[in-house]
Amino acid sequence: MAGILIAGSGGQGILFAGKLLAHGAMLEGKHVTWFPSYGAEMRGGTANCTVVVSDEPIGSPIVKNPDMLVVFNEASLKRFEGRVKKGGVLLMDSTLVKASPARKDVRVVGIPASGIAMSLGSVRSANMVVIGALLKETGLLKEDTVMRALRELTPARRLKSLDINKTALGKGLHG
């Protein structure tokens, strides 16, 4: 079982990133929960979600100590860093998170996701870069499954962003 906590600000695609992982896990026949949480402010406020992926039935969507933490801002690093399981993975957008994690008992992976996304012409695709990096680090899901999930979850009004999101996901996975 893998528990993942994704956190940042509203508007950074936090909830969509979690939904993408959950949908991909379902496509692979795994048991999954997706539990979103966001502040009343929405865009610019706090946002986080937990995703649990398992080969066995899941008893609760609540993840007290995630195996993986993905952060998109320093406030989320400060708030959630202490919750990651010892030996877990802490993945952060190093373009936006300049602070160094205090934890020495977790594997820290920094990826300049927002910088990569800006170079592709869409800072809004930073979440896809980070999800690609997470998949690269963990092997949680297959690339083709996540690409399929991305196609299935992209609403018609955002289809023009599908290609850039696929490219961003690939950048996170392959550099």
N, C-alpha and C. Protein backbone atom coordinates (compact mmCIF):
# COMPACT_ATOMS: atom_id res chain seq x y z
N MET A 1 0.85 -1.18 0.00
CA MET A 1 0.00 0.00 0.00
C MET A 1 0.89 1.23 0.00
N ALA A 2 0.50 2.24 -0.79
CA ALA A 2 1.23 3.50 -0.84
C ALA A 2 0.28 4.64 -0.51
N GLY A 3 0.67 5.45 0.47
CA GLY A 3 -0.08 6.64 0.82
C GLY A 3 0.67 7.86 0.33
N ILE A 4 -0.02 8.73 -0.38
CA ILE A 4 0.60 9.91 -0.98
C ILE A 4 -0.17 11.15 -0.54
N LEU A 5 0.55 12.16 -0.10
CA LEU A 5 -0.04 13.45 0.23
C LEU A 5 0.54 14.48 -0.73
N ILE A 6 -0.34 15.18 -1.43
CA ILE A 6 0.06 16.22 -2.39
C ILE A 6 -0.47 17.54 -1.85
N ALA A 7 0.41 18.56 -1.73
CA ALA A 7 -0.01 19.80 -1.09
C ALA A 7 0.60 21.02 -1.77
N GLY A 8 -0.16 22.11 -1.77
CA GLY A 8 0.29 23.38 -2.34
C GLY A 8 -0.80 24.40 -2.21
N SER A 9 -0.85 25.30 -3.16
CA SER A 9 -1.86 26.36 -3.18
C SER A 9 -2.93 26.04 -4.20
N GLY A 10 -4.13 26.55 -3.96
CA GLY A 10 -5.19 26.41 -4.93
C GLY A 10 -4.77 27.02 -6.26
N GLY A 11 -5.11 26.38 -7.36
CA GLY A 11 -4.73 26.86 -8.68
C GLY A 11 -3.47 26.20 -9.22
N GLN A 12 -2.76 25.42 -8.38
CA GLN A 12 -1.55 24.74 -8.84
C GLN A 12 -1.83 23.34 -9.39
N GLY A 13 -3.07 22.93 -9.42
CA GLY A 13 -3.40 21.62 -9.95
C GLY A 13 -3.16 20.48 -8.97
N ILE A 14 -3.21 20.78 -7.70
CA ILE A 14 -2.97 19.79 -6.64
C ILE A 14 -4.03 18.69 -6.71
N LEU A 15 -5.28 19.09 -6.73
CA LEU A 15 -6.36 18.10 -6.71
C LEU A 15 -6.38 17.29 -8.01
N PHE A 16 -6.10 17.94 -9.13
CA PHE A 16 -6.07 17.23 -10.40
C PHE A 16 -4.94 16.20 -10.42
N ALA A 17 -3.79 16.56 -9.85
CA ALA A 17 -2.66 15.63 -9.80
C ALA A 17 -3.04 14.37 -9.01
N GLY A 18 -3.70 14.57 -7.88
CA GLY A 18 -4.13 13.43 -7.08
C GLY A 18 -5.17 12.59 -7.80
N LYS A 19 -6.10 13.27 -8.45
CA LYS A 19 -7.14 12.58 -9.20
C LYS A 19 -6.53 11.76 -10.34
N LEU A 20 -5.50 12.30 -10.98
CA LEU A 20 -4.81 11.60 -12.05
C LEU A 20 -4.16 10.31 -11.54
N LEU A 21 -3.49 10.39 -10.40
CA LEU A 21 -2.89 9.18 -9.81
C LEU A 21 -3.96 8.16 -9.45
N ALA A 22 -5.05 8.64 -8.85
CA ALA A 22 -6.13 7.73 -8.46
C ALA A 22 -6.75 7.06 -9.68
N HIS A 23 -7.00 7.82 -10.72
CA HIS A 23 -7.62 7.26 -11.92
C HIS A 23 -6.68 6.26 -12.59
N GLY A 24 -5.40 6.61 -12.65
CA GLY A 24 -4.41 5.68 -13.21
C GLY A 24 -4.36 4.37 -12.43
N ALA A 25 -4.41 4.47 -11.12
CA ALA A 25 -4.40 3.26 -10.29
C ALA A 25 -5.64 2.41 -10.55
N MET A 26 -6.79 3.06 -10.72
CA MET A 26 -8.01 2.31 -11.03
C MET A 26 -7.88 1.60 -12.37
N LEU A 27 -7.29 2.29 -13.35
CA LEU A 27 -7.10 1.67 -14.67
C LEU A 27 -6.20 0.44 -14.59
N GLU A 28 -5.30 0.43 -13.62
CA GLU A 28 -4.43 -0.73 -13.44
C GLU A 28 -5.04 -1.78 -12.52
N GLY A 29 -6.30 -1.59 -12.16
CA GLY A 29 -7.00 -2.59 -11.35
C GLY A 29 -6.66 -2.57 -9.88
N LYS A 30 -6.10 -1.49 -9.40
CA LYS A 30 -5.73 -1.38 -7.99
C LYS A 30 -6.88 -0.78 -7.19
N HIS A 31 -6.83 -1.00 -5.90
CA HIS A 31 -7.76 -0.34 -4.99
C HIS A 31 -7.21 1.06 -4.75
N VAL A 32 -8.11 2.04 -4.65
CA VAL A 32 -7.65 3.42 -4.55
C VAL A 32 -8.65 4.28 -3.80
N THR A 33 -8.11 5.28 -3.09
CA THR A 33 -8.95 6.35 -2.55
C THR A 33 -8.31 7.68 -2.92
N TRP A 34 -9.14 8.69 -3.09
CA TRP A 34 -8.69 10.06 -3.35
C TRP A 34 -9.50 10.95 -2.43
N PHE A 35 -8.81 11.71 -1.60
CA PHE A 35 -9.48 12.50 -0.57
C PHE A 35 -9.00 13.95 -0.67
N PRO A 36 -9.76 14.84 -1.33
CA PRO A 36 -9.34 16.23 -1.50
C PRO A 36 -9.65 17.10 -0.29
N SER A 37 -8.86 18.15 -0.11
CA SER A 37 -9.10 19.13 0.94
C SER A 37 -8.58 20.47 0.45
N TYR A 38 -9.39 21.51 0.58
CA TYR A 38 -8.94 22.83 0.15
C TYR A 38 -9.62 23.89 1.00
N GLY A 39 -8.90 25.01 1.13
CA GLY A 39 -9.41 26.13 1.90
C GLY A 39 -10.55 26.82 1.18
N ALA A 40 -11.28 27.61 1.91
CA ALA A 40 -12.44 28.32 1.34
C ALA A 40 -12.01 29.33 0.26
N GLU A 41 -10.73 29.72 0.29
CA GLU A 41 -10.27 30.72 -0.68
C GLU A 41 -10.16 30.15 -2.08
N MET A 42 -10.05 28.83 -2.21
CA MET A 42 -9.80 28.14 -3.48
C MET A 42 -8.51 28.66 -4.11
N ARG A 43 -8.56 29.32 -5.26
CA ARG A 43 -7.34 29.75 -5.95
C ARG A 43 -6.51 30.63 -5.02
N GLY A 44 -5.30 30.16 -4.74
CA GLY A 44 -4.40 30.89 -3.86
C GLY A 44 -4.45 30.42 -2.43
N GLY A 45 -5.53 29.77 -2.02
CA GLY A 45 -5.63 29.22 -0.67
C GLY A 45 -4.91 27.89 -0.61
N THR A 46 -4.96 27.25 0.53
CA THR A 46 -4.30 25.96 0.66
C THR A 46 -5.12 24.87 -0.02
N ALA A 47 -4.42 23.91 -0.56
CA ALA A 47 -5.07 22.75 -1.18
C ALA A 47 -4.18 21.54 -0.93
N ASN A 48 -4.80 20.44 -0.63
CA ASN A 48 -4.05 19.19 -0.54
C ASN A 48 -5.00 18.02 -0.78
N CYS A 49 -4.42 16.91 -1.09
CA CYS A 49 -5.23 15.70 -1.23
C CYS A 49 -4.37 14.50 -0.88
N THR A 50 -5.04 13.46 -0.46
CA THR A 50 -4.35 12.20 -0.21
C THR A 50 -4.86 11.17 -1.20
N VAL A 51 -3.93 10.34 -1.62
CA VAL A 51 -4.24 9.24 -2.51
C VAL A 51 -3.65 7.99 -1.86
N VAL A 52 -4.45 6.96 -1.80
CA VAL A 52 -3.96 5.67 -1.31
C VAL A 52 -4.13 4.68 -2.45
N VAL A 53 -3.06 3.96 -2.76
CA VAL A 53 -3.06 2.96 -3.82
C VAL A 53 -2.64 1.65 -3.20
N SER A 54 -3.42 0.59 -3.45
CA SER A 54 -3.13 -0.68 -2.81
C SER A 54 -3.59 -1.85 -3.69
N ASP A 55 -2.97 -2.98 -3.48
CA ASP A 55 -3.42 -4.21 -4.12
C ASP A 55 -4.53 -4.87 -3.30
N GLU A 56 -4.72 -4.41 -2.09
CA GLU A 56 -5.73 -4.94 -1.17
C GLU A 56 -6.78 -3.87 -0.90
N PRO A 57 -7.96 -4.25 -0.41
CA PRO A 57 -8.97 -3.26 -0.04
C PRO A 57 -8.39 -2.26 0.98
N ILE A 58 -8.85 -1.02 0.89
CA ILE A 58 -8.35 0.07 1.73
C ILE A 58 -9.38 0.37 2.81
N GLY A 59 -8.93 0.41 4.06
CA GLY A 59 -9.84 0.62 5.17
C GLY A 59 -10.25 2.07 5.37
N SER A 60 -9.36 3.01 5.02
CA SER A 60 -9.66 4.42 5.26
C SER A 60 -8.90 5.30 4.27
N PRO A 61 -9.54 6.40 3.82
CA PRO A 61 -8.85 7.32 2.91
C PRO A 61 -7.90 8.27 3.67
N ILE A 62 -7.94 8.23 4.99
CA ILE A 62 -7.12 9.13 5.80
C ILE A 62 -5.69 8.59 5.85
N VAL A 63 -4.74 9.46 5.57
CA VAL A 63 -3.33 9.08 5.60
C VAL A 63 -2.63 9.97 6.62
N LYS A 64 -2.36 9.41 7.79
CA LYS A 64 -1.69 10.18 8.84
C LYS A 64 -0.22 10.35 8.53
N ASN A 65 0.44 9.28 8.12
CA ASN A 65 1.87 9.29 7.81
C ASN A 65 2.09 8.73 6.41
N PRO A 66 2.08 9.62 5.41
CA PRO A 66 2.22 9.15 4.03
C PRO A 66 3.61 8.59 3.73
N ASP A 67 3.64 7.68 2.76
CA ASP A 67 4.90 7.16 2.26
C ASP A 67 5.59 8.21 1.39
N MET A 68 4.76 9.04 0.74
CA MET A 68 5.26 10.06 -0.17
C MET A 68 4.55 11.38 0.10
N LEU A 69 5.34 12.44 0.08
CA LEU A 69 4.80 13.79 0.20
C LEU A 69 5.28 14.57 -1.01
N VAL A 70 4.35 15.23 -1.68
CA VAL A 70 4.66 16.08 -2.83
C VAL A 70 4.24 17.49 -2.46
N VAL A 71 5.20 18.44 -2.48
CA VAL A 71 4.87 19.81 -2.09
C VAL A 71 5.20 20.79 -3.21
N PHE A 72 4.31 21.77 -3.36
CA PHE A 72 4.43 22.79 -4.39
C PHE A 72 4.72 24.17 -3.82
N ASN A 73 4.80 24.29 -2.50
CA ASN A 73 5.16 25.57 -1.89
C ASN A 73 5.79 25.34 -0.52
N GLU A 74 6.46 26.39 0.00
CA GLU A 74 7.16 26.25 1.27
C GLU A 74 6.21 26.07 2.45
N ALA A 75 5.05 26.70 2.39
CA ALA A 75 4.08 26.54 3.48
C ALA A 75 3.68 25.07 3.63
N SER A 76 3.51 24.37 2.51
CA SER A 76 3.15 22.95 2.56
C SER A 76 4.31 22.11 3.08
N LEU A 77 5.53 22.47 2.71
CA LEU A 77 6.70 21.76 3.23
C LEU A 77 6.73 21.87 4.75
N LYS A 78 6.59 23.08 5.26
CA LYS A 78 6.62 23.29 6.71
C LYS A 78 5.48 22.56 7.41
N ARG A 79 4.31 22.60 6.80
CA ARG A 79 3.12 22.01 7.44
C ARG A 79 3.14 20.48 7.46
N PHE A 80 3.62 19.84 6.37
CA PHE A 80 3.46 18.40 6.24
C PHE A 80 4.74 17.57 6.33
N GLU A 81 5.90 18.21 6.30
CA GLU A 81 7.16 17.47 6.28
C GLU A 81 7.28 16.46 7.42
N GLY A 82 6.87 16.82 8.59
CA GLY A 82 7.00 15.94 9.75
C GLY A 82 6.13 14.70 9.70
N ARG A 83 5.17 14.67 8.81
CA ARG A 83 4.25 13.52 8.73
C ARG A 83 4.75 12.37 7.87
N VAL A 84 5.73 12.61 7.01
CA VAL A 84 6.20 11.56 6.09
C VAL A 84 6.83 10.42 6.89
N LYS A 85 6.53 9.20 6.49
CA LYS A 85 7.11 8.04 7.15
C LYS A 85 8.63 8.07 7.02
N LYS A 86 9.30 7.60 8.05
CA LYS A 86 10.75 7.44 8.00
C LYS A 86 11.08 6.54 6.81
N GLY A 87 12.03 6.97 5.99
CA GLY A 87 12.39 6.21 4.79
C GLY A 87 11.52 6.54 3.59
N GLY A 88 10.56 7.46 3.76
CA GLY A 88 9.66 7.83 2.68
C GLY A 88 10.31 8.78 1.68
N VAL A 89 9.50 9.26 0.74
CA VAL A 89 9.97 10.16 -0.31
C VAL A 89 9.30 11.52 -0.14
N LEU A 90 10.11 12.57 -0.19
CA LEU A 90 9.60 13.94 -0.16
C LEU A 90 10.01 14.57 -1.48
N LEU A 91 9.04 14.81 -2.34
CA LEU A 91 9.29 15.37 -3.66
C LEU A 91 8.77 16.79 -3.68
N MET A 92 9.61 17.73 -4.16
CA MET A 92 9.18 19.13 -4.13
C MET A 92 9.54 19.86 -5.41
N ASP A 93 8.73 20.87 -5.73
CA ASP A 93 8.98 21.74 -6.86
C ASP A 93 10.07 22.71 -6.42
N SER A 94 11.31 22.44 -6.81
CA SER A 94 12.44 23.24 -6.34
C SER A 94 12.49 24.63 -6.96
N THR A 95 11.67 24.91 -7.96
CA THR A 95 11.56 26.27 -8.48
C THR A 95 10.88 27.16 -7.45
N LEU A 96 9.90 26.62 -6.77
CA LEU A 96 9.10 27.40 -5.81
C LEU A 96 9.49 27.17 -4.36
N VAL A 97 10.01 26.00 -4.05
CA VAL A 97 10.38 25.66 -2.67
C VAL A 97 11.89 25.80 -2.54
N LYS A 98 12.32 26.89 -1.93
CA LYS A 98 13.75 27.18 -1.77
C LYS A 98 14.30 26.66 -0.44
N ALA A 99 13.42 26.48 0.53
CA ALA A 99 13.85 25.98 1.84
C ALA A 99 14.28 24.52 1.73
N SER A 100 15.26 24.17 2.52
CA SER A 100 15.70 22.77 2.58
C SER A 100 14.89 22.04 3.63
N PRO A 101 14.44 20.84 3.31
CA PRO A 101 13.71 20.06 4.31
C PRO A 101 14.60 19.79 5.52
N ALA A 102 14.01 19.77 6.68
CA ALA A 102 14.74 19.49 7.91
C ALA A 102 15.00 17.99 8.07
N ARG A 103 14.15 17.19 7.47
CA ARG A 103 14.24 15.73 7.63
C ARG A 103 15.47 15.16 6.95
N LYS A 104 16.16 14.28 7.65
CA LYS A 104 17.31 13.58 7.08
C LYS A 104 17.01 12.09 6.91
N ASP A 105 15.83 11.67 7.37
CA ASP A 105 15.47 10.25 7.32
C ASP A 105 14.48 9.92 6.20
N VAL A 106 14.35 10.86 5.24
CA VAL A 106 13.52 10.64 4.06
C VAL A 106 14.36 10.96 2.82
N ARG A 107 13.96 10.40 1.70
CA ARG A 107 14.65 10.69 0.44
C ARG A 107 14.02 11.94 -0.15
N VAL A 108 14.82 12.98 -0.29
CA VAL A 108 14.34 14.26 -0.81
C VAL A 108 14.67 14.34 -2.30
N VAL A 109 13.66 14.63 -3.09
CA VAL A 109 13.83 14.78 -4.53
C VAL A 109 13.30 16.15 -4.91
N GLY A 110 14.19 17.00 -5.41
CA GLY A 110 13.79 18.30 -5.89
C GLY A 110 13.78 18.30 -7.41
N ILE A 111 12.73 18.82 -7.98
CA ILE A 111 12.65 18.95 -9.44
C ILE A 111 12.13 20.34 -9.74
N PRO A 112 12.80 21.07 -10.63
CA PRO A 112 12.35 22.44 -10.96
C PRO A 112 11.11 22.43 -11.86
N ALA A 113 10.05 21.89 -11.34
CA ALA A 113 8.84 21.66 -12.13
C ALA A 113 8.27 22.92 -12.74
N SER A 114 8.15 23.98 -11.95
CA SER A 114 7.58 25.22 -12.49
C SER A 114 8.49 25.81 -13.55
N GLY A 115 9.80 25.71 -13.37
CA GLY A 115 10.73 26.18 -14.38
C GLY A 115 10.63 25.39 -15.68
N ILE A 116 10.52 24.08 -15.55
CA ILE A 116 10.36 23.22 -16.73
C ILE A 116 9.05 23.55 -17.44
N ALA A 117 7.98 23.69 -16.65
CA ALA A 117 6.67 24.00 -17.23
C ALA A 117 6.70 25.36 -17.94
N MET A 118 7.37 26.34 -17.34
CA MET A 118 7.48 27.66 -17.99
C MET A 118 8.23 27.55 -19.32
N SER A 119 9.25 26.71 -19.35
CA SER A 119 10.02 26.54 -20.60
C SER A 119 9.17 25.88 -21.69
N LEU A 120 8.14 25.15 -21.27
CA LEU A 120 7.22 24.52 -22.23
C LEU A 120 6.09 25.48 -22.64
N GLY A 121 6.03 26.62 -21.97
CA GLY A 121 5.01 27.61 -22.30
C GLY A 121 3.76 27.55 -21.47
N SER A 122 3.77 26.76 -20.39
CA SER A 122 2.58 26.66 -19.55
C SER A 122 2.95 26.33 -18.11
N VAL A 123 3.07 27.36 -17.27
CA VAL A 123 3.41 27.14 -15.87
C VAL A 123 2.37 26.25 -15.18
N ARG A 124 1.16 26.22 -15.72
CA ARG A 124 0.09 25.39 -15.14
C ARG A 124 0.37 23.90 -15.29
N SER A 125 1.36 23.54 -16.09
CA SER A 125 1.69 22.12 -16.28
C SER A 125 2.74 21.62 -15.28
N ALA A 126 3.11 22.45 -14.32
CA ALA A 126 4.10 22.03 -13.32
C ALA A 126 3.64 20.79 -12.56
N ASN A 127 2.33 20.69 -12.33
CA ASN A 127 1.83 19.51 -11.62
C ASN A 127 2.10 18.23 -12.40
N MET A 128 2.06 18.31 -13.72
CA MET A 128 2.33 17.12 -14.55
C MET A 128 3.82 16.75 -14.50
N VAL A 129 4.69 17.77 -14.47
CA VAL A 129 6.13 17.49 -14.34
C VAL A 129 6.39 16.75 -13.03
N VAL A 130 5.78 17.23 -11.96
CA VAL A 130 5.98 16.61 -10.65
C VAL A 130 5.42 15.19 -10.61
N ILE A 131 4.26 14.96 -11.19
CA ILE A 131 3.70 13.61 -11.21
C ILE A 131 4.62 12.69 -12.01
N GLY A 132 5.16 13.16 -13.12
CA GLY A 132 6.13 12.36 -13.87
C GLY A 132 7.33 12.00 -13.02
N ALA A 133 7.86 12.98 -12.27
CA ALA A 133 9.01 12.72 -11.40
C ALA A 133 8.65 11.71 -10.30
N LEU A 134 7.44 11.82 -9.76
CA LEU A 134 7.00 10.88 -8.74
C LEU A 134 6.96 9.45 -9.30
N LEU A 135 6.44 9.31 -10.50
CA LEU A 135 6.37 7.99 -11.13
C LEU A 135 7.77 7.45 -11.41
N LYS A 136 8.68 8.33 -11.81
CA LYS A 136 10.06 7.94 -12.06
C LYS A 136 10.73 7.43 -10.77
N GLU A 137 10.49 8.13 -9.68
CA GLU A 137 11.11 7.78 -8.40
C GLU A 137 10.52 6.54 -7.76
N THR A 138 9.24 6.28 -8.01
CA THR A 138 8.56 5.21 -7.27
C THR A 138 8.11 4.03 -8.11
N GLY A 139 7.94 4.22 -9.42
CA GLY A 139 7.40 3.14 -10.25
C GLY A 139 5.98 2.77 -9.87
N LEU A 140 5.27 3.68 -9.23
CA LEU A 140 3.92 3.42 -8.72
C LEU A 140 2.95 2.97 -9.81
N LEU A 141 3.00 3.64 -10.97
CA LEU A 141 2.11 3.32 -12.08
C LEU A 141 2.91 3.31 -13.38
N LYS A 142 2.35 2.69 -14.39
CA LYS A 142 2.99 2.65 -15.71
C LYS A 142 2.72 3.96 -16.45
N GLU A 143 3.69 4.37 -17.23
CA GLU A 143 3.58 5.62 -17.98
C GLU A 143 2.37 5.62 -18.92
N ASP A 144 2.17 4.54 -19.65
CA ASP A 144 1.05 4.52 -20.60
C ASP A 144 -0.29 4.59 -19.89
N THR A 145 -0.36 4.03 -18.69
CA THR A 145 -1.60 4.11 -17.91
C THR A 145 -1.89 5.54 -17.51
N VAL A 146 -0.87 6.25 -17.07
CA VAL A 146 -1.07 7.63 -16.64
C VAL A 146 -1.41 8.53 -17.83
N MET A 147 -0.79 8.26 -18.97
CA MET A 147 -1.13 9.03 -20.17
C MET A 147 -2.59 8.80 -20.56
N ARG A 148 -3.04 7.56 -20.43
CA ARG A 148 -4.45 7.25 -20.73
C ARG A 148 -5.37 7.96 -19.74
N ALA A 149 -4.99 7.92 -18.46
CA ALA A 149 -5.79 8.59 -17.44
C ALA A 149 -5.86 10.09 -17.71
N LEU A 150 -4.75 10.68 -18.15
CA LEU A 150 -4.73 12.10 -18.47
C LEU A 150 -5.70 12.42 -19.59
N ARG A 151 -5.71 11.58 -20.63
CA ARG A 151 -6.66 11.79 -21.74
C ARG A 151 -8.10 11.68 -21.24
N GLU A 152 -8.37 10.70 -20.41
CA GLU A 152 -9.74 10.48 -19.95
C GLU A 152 -10.22 11.56 -18.99
N LEU A 153 -9.32 12.16 -18.21
CA LEU A 153 -9.72 13.16 -17.22
C LEU A 153 -9.73 14.59 -17.74
N THR A 154 -9.08 14.83 -18.86
CA THR A 154 -9.03 16.19 -19.38
C THR A 154 -10.39 16.57 -19.95
N PRO A 155 -11.01 17.60 -19.37
CA PRO A 155 -12.34 17.99 -19.88
C PRO A 155 -12.24 18.60 -21.28
N ALA A 156 -13.33 18.54 -22.01
CA ALA A 156 -13.37 19.03 -23.39
C ALA A 156 -12.89 20.49 -23.49
N ARG A 157 -13.23 21.31 -22.51
CA ARG A 157 -12.85 22.72 -22.57
C ARG A 157 -11.35 22.93 -22.39
N ARG A 158 -10.63 21.90 -21.98
CA ARG A 158 -9.18 22.01 -21.77
C ARG A 158 -8.37 21.10 -22.70
N LEU A 159 -8.99 20.58 -23.73
CA LEU A 159 -8.29 19.66 -24.63
C LEU A 159 -7.05 20.27 -25.28
N LYS A 160 -7.06 21.59 -25.45
CA LYS A 160 -5.88 22.21 -26.07
C LYS A 160 -4.65 22.11 -25.15
N SER A 161 -4.83 21.87 -23.87
CA SER A 161 -3.71 21.72 -22.94
C SER A 161 -3.22 20.27 -22.84
N LEU A 162 -3.90 19.34 -23.48
CA LEU A 162 -3.55 17.92 -23.34
C LEU A 162 -2.14 17.63 -23.84
N ASP A 163 -1.78 18.13 -25.01
CA ASP A 163 -0.45 17.83 -25.55
C ASP A 163 0.66 18.38 -24.67
N ILE A 164 0.50 19.60 -24.19
CA ILE A 164 1.55 20.17 -23.34
C ILE A 164 1.63 19.43 -22.00
N ASN A 165 0.48 18.99 -21.48
CA ASN A 165 0.48 18.21 -20.25
C ASN A 165 1.17 16.86 -20.44
N LYS A 166 0.96 16.24 -21.59
CA LYS A 166 1.66 14.98 -21.89
C LYS A 166 3.16 15.21 -21.96
N THR A 167 3.56 16.29 -22.62
CA THR A 167 4.98 16.63 -22.72
C THR A 167 5.57 16.89 -21.33
N ALA A 168 4.84 17.63 -20.50
CA ALA A 168 5.30 17.93 -19.14
C ALA A 168 5.44 16.66 -18.31
N LEU A 169 4.49 15.77 -18.43
CA LEU A 169 4.55 14.48 -17.73
C LEU A 169 5.80 13.72 -18.17
N GLY A 170 6.05 13.70 -19.47
CA GLY A 170 7.22 13.03 -20.00
C GLY A 170 8.52 13.65 -19.52
N LYS A 171 8.56 14.99 -19.38
CA LYS A 171 9.76 15.67 -18.87
C LYS A 171 10.06 15.24 -17.43
N GLY A 172 9.02 15.09 -16.63
CA GLY A 172 9.21 14.63 -15.26
C GLY A 172 9.69 13.20 -15.20
N LEU A 173 9.19 12.38 -16.11
CA LEU A 173 9.57 10.96 -16.15
C LEU A 173 10.96 10.71 -16.73
N HIS A 174 11.29 11.45 -17.75
CA HIS A 174 12.51 11.13 -18.50
C HIS A 174 13.55 12.24 -18.53
N GLY A 175 13.22 13.39 -17.98
CA GLY A 175 14.19 14.50 -17.97
C GLY A 175 14.10 15.39 -19.16
